[in-house]
N, C-alpha and C. Protein backbone atom coordinates (compact mmCIF):
# COMPACT_ATOMS: atom_id res chain seq x y z
N MET A 1 0.77 -1.28 -0.04
CA MET A 1 0.03 -0.03 0.03
C MET A 1 0.76 1.40 0.07
N THR A 2 0.64 2.16 -1.03
CA THR A 2 1.81 3.38 -0.94
C THR A 2 0.73 4.28 -0.46
N VAL A 3 1.50 5.20 0.06
CA VAL A 3 1.04 6.47 0.78
C VAL A 3 1.05 7.67 -0.35
N ASP A 4 0.17 8.56 -0.72
CA ASP A 4 0.39 9.80 -1.67
C ASP A 4 0.96 10.68 -0.65
N PRO A 5 2.24 11.28 -1.29
CA PRO A 5 2.94 12.35 -0.47
C PRO A 5 2.16 13.53 -0.36
N ASP A 6 1.33 13.75 -1.15
CA ASP A 6 0.60 15.13 -0.99
C ASP A 6 -0.60 14.80 0.03
N MET A 7 -1.13 13.55 -0.07
CA MET A 7 -1.99 13.29 1.13
C MET A 7 -1.58 13.41 2.34
N GLU A 8 -0.25 12.87 2.37
CA GLU A 8 0.14 12.93 3.75
C GLU A 8 0.92 14.18 4.02
N ARG A 9 1.23 14.92 3.22
CA ARG A 9 1.53 16.19 3.58
C ARG A 9 0.22 17.26 4.00
N ASN A 10 -0.73 17.05 3.35
CA ASN A 10 -2.03 17.63 3.80
C ASN A 10 -2.29 17.22 5.15
N VAL A 11 -2.31 15.79 5.47
CA VAL A 11 -2.80 15.55 6.74
C VAL A 11 -1.89 16.20 7.77
N ARG A 12 -0.73 16.20 7.59
CA ARG A 12 0.38 16.81 8.64
C ARG A 12 0.01 18.11 8.79
N ARG A 13 -0.34 19.03 7.60
CA ARG A 13 -0.36 20.23 7.82
C ARG A 13 -1.67 20.48 8.72
N THR A 14 -2.82 19.64 8.43
CA THR A 14 -4.32 19.84 8.86
C THR A 14 -4.01 19.42 10.49
N VAL A 15 -3.08 18.43 10.86
CA VAL A 15 -2.56 17.93 12.36
C VAL A 15 -2.06 19.05 12.91
N GLY A 16 -1.11 19.71 12.41
CA GLY A 16 -0.19 20.82 12.84
C GLY A 16 -1.10 21.95 13.20
N ILE A 17 -2.07 22.49 11.94
CA ILE A 17 -2.94 23.54 12.44
C ILE A 17 -3.83 23.63 13.54
N ALA A 18 -4.35 21.97 13.66
CA ALA A 18 -5.13 21.72 14.94
C ALA A 18 -4.42 21.79 16.19
N ALA A 19 -3.11 21.52 16.17
CA ALA A 19 -2.30 21.47 17.42
C ALA A 19 -1.98 22.90 17.68
N MET A 20 -1.95 23.73 16.69
CA MET A 20 -1.58 25.15 16.98
C MET A 20 -2.62 25.98 17.56
N ARG A 21 -3.94 25.70 17.07
CA ARG A 21 -5.07 25.90 17.48
C ARG A 21 -5.48 25.82 18.86
N ARG A 22 -5.00 24.54 19.19
CA ARG A 22 -5.46 23.88 20.74
C ARG A 22 -4.29 24.74 21.42
N ILE A 23 -3.14 24.96 21.24
CA ILE A 23 -1.99 25.60 22.02
C ILE A 23 -2.67 26.90 22.22
N ARG A 24 -2.99 27.78 21.27
CA ARG A 24 -3.36 29.06 21.29
C ARG A 24 -4.53 29.25 22.21
N ARG A 25 -5.42 28.32 22.56
CA ARG A 25 -6.65 28.33 23.41
C ARG A 25 -5.95 28.20 24.74
N ILE A 26 -5.09 27.20 24.93
CA ILE A 26 -4.50 27.03 26.30
C ILE A 26 -3.76 28.43 26.67
N VAL A 27 -2.98 29.05 25.78
CA VAL A 27 -2.48 30.08 26.11
C VAL A 27 -3.35 31.11 26.49
N ASP A 28 -4.26 31.37 25.73
CA ASP A 28 -5.29 32.53 25.87
C ASP A 28 -6.13 32.16 27.31
N ALA A 29 -6.35 30.99 27.60
CA ALA A 29 -6.86 30.85 28.89
C ALA A 29 -5.88 30.96 30.20
N GLU A 30 -4.60 30.68 29.92
CA GLU A 30 -3.69 30.82 30.92
C GLU A 30 -3.41 32.65 31.13
N ASN A 31 -3.37 33.38 29.96
CA ASN A 31 -3.42 34.77 30.05
C ASN A 31 -4.35 35.38 30.78
N GLU A 32 -5.65 34.83 30.50
CA GLU A 32 -6.95 35.11 31.05
C GLU A 32 -6.81 34.90 32.45
N LEU A 33 -6.39 34.00 32.90
CA LEU A 33 -6.11 33.57 34.46
C LEU A 33 -5.30 34.45 35.12
N GLU A 34 -4.05 34.88 34.38
CA GLU A 34 -3.00 35.92 34.78
C GLU A 34 -3.67 37.15 34.89
N ALA A 35 -4.69 37.73 33.89
CA ALA A 35 -5.03 39.21 34.03
C ALA A 35 -6.25 38.85 35.33
N GLN A 36 -6.95 37.83 35.72
CA GLN A 36 -7.91 37.94 36.62
C GLN A 36 -7.11 38.12 37.98
N LYS A 37 -6.13 37.27 37.87
CA LYS A 37 -5.07 37.59 39.35
C LYS A 37 -4.67 38.78 39.54
N ALA A 38 -4.19 39.36 38.39
CA ALA A 38 -3.63 40.95 38.85
C ALA A 38 -4.70 41.72 38.96
N ARG A 39 -6.09 41.52 38.49
CA ARG A 39 -6.93 42.35 38.84
C ARG A 39 -7.33 42.02 40.38
N TRP A 40 -7.61 40.97 41.01
CA TRP A 40 -7.72 40.51 42.28
C TRP A 40 -6.45 41.36 43.16
N ALA A 41 -5.18 41.06 42.53
CA ALA A 41 -4.02 41.75 43.54
C ALA A 41 -4.25 43.12 43.60
N ARG A 42 -4.64 43.90 42.45
CA ARG A 42 -5.00 45.12 42.43
C ARG A 42 -6.18 45.78 43.43
N ARG A 43 -7.07 44.96 43.51
CA ARG A 43 -8.35 45.13 44.41
C ARG A 43 -7.93 44.97 46.05
N ILE A 44 -7.03 44.00 46.32
CA ILE A 44 -6.63 43.67 47.62
C ILE A 44 -5.72 44.83 47.88
N ALA A 45 -4.97 45.06 47.08
CA ALA A 45 -3.94 46.17 47.54
C ALA A 45 -4.60 47.34 47.82
N LEU A 46 -5.54 47.78 46.79
CA LEU A 46 -6.27 49.02 47.27
C LEU A 46 -7.26 49.06 48.56
N ALA A 47 -7.63 47.96 48.69
CA ALA A 47 -8.51 47.65 49.96
C ALA A 47 -7.41 47.61 51.25
N LEU A 48 -6.33 47.08 51.07
CA LEU A 48 -5.16 47.29 52.31
C LEU A 48 -4.88 48.90 52.40
N LEU A 49 -4.52 49.39 51.26
CA LEU A 49 -4.29 50.95 51.33
C LEU A 49 -5.40 51.77 52.13
N ALA A 50 -6.68 51.26 51.71
CA ALA A 50 -7.74 51.90 52.25
C ALA A 50 -7.95 51.79 53.91
N ALA A 51 -7.70 50.50 53.98
CA ALA A 51 -7.75 50.05 55.69
C ALA A 51 -6.41 50.97 56.48
N VAL A 52 -5.46 50.98 55.73
CA VAL A 52 -4.08 51.69 56.41
C VAL A 52 -4.48 53.25 56.63
N ALA A 53 -5.16 53.67 55.63
CA ALA A 53 -5.52 55.27 55.45
C ALA A 53 -6.44 55.36 56.77
N PHE A 54 -7.53 54.72 56.61
CA PHE A 54 -8.49 54.73 57.71
C PHE A 54 -8.15 54.70 59.15
N ALA A 55 -7.03 53.75 59.24
CA ALA A 55 -6.24 53.44 60.50
C ALA A 55 -5.61 54.69 61.31
N LEU A 56 -4.81 55.48 60.07
CA LEU A 56 -3.83 56.25 60.31
C LEU A 56 -4.89 57.66 60.55
N ALA A 57 -5.87 57.79 59.93
CA ALA A 57 -6.93 58.82 60.23
C ALA A 57 -7.40 58.70 61.41
N TRP A 58 -7.70 57.21 61.98
CA TRP A 58 -8.53 57.32 63.42
C TRP A 58 -7.48 57.55 64.13
N PHE A 59 -6.17 56.94 64.08
CA PHE A 59 -5.41 57.49 65.13
C PHE A 59 -4.76 58.98 65.22
N ALA A 60 -4.83 59.52 64.03
CA ALA A 60 -4.58 61.02 64.14
C ALA A 60 -5.77 61.73 64.83
N PHE A 61 -6.96 61.53 64.32
CA PHE A 61 -7.95 62.33 65.05
C PHE A 61 -8.61 61.89 66.05
N ARG A 62 -8.03 60.89 67.04
CA ARG A 62 -8.89 60.38 68.01
C ARG A 62 -8.57 61.10 69.42
């Protein structure tokens, strides 16, 4: 049984494209997760800053 070189090349190309798309989806999901982590870190930092400012104001005007 002989394999047509053009057919084999087309199959490899299709499989390669599918793999690249799958990797792209994985990378996009990871980037989205990192963006979510950054947003939470920013929110927590702002909350801590507000708590420290409130505590300092409370001590200053007590």
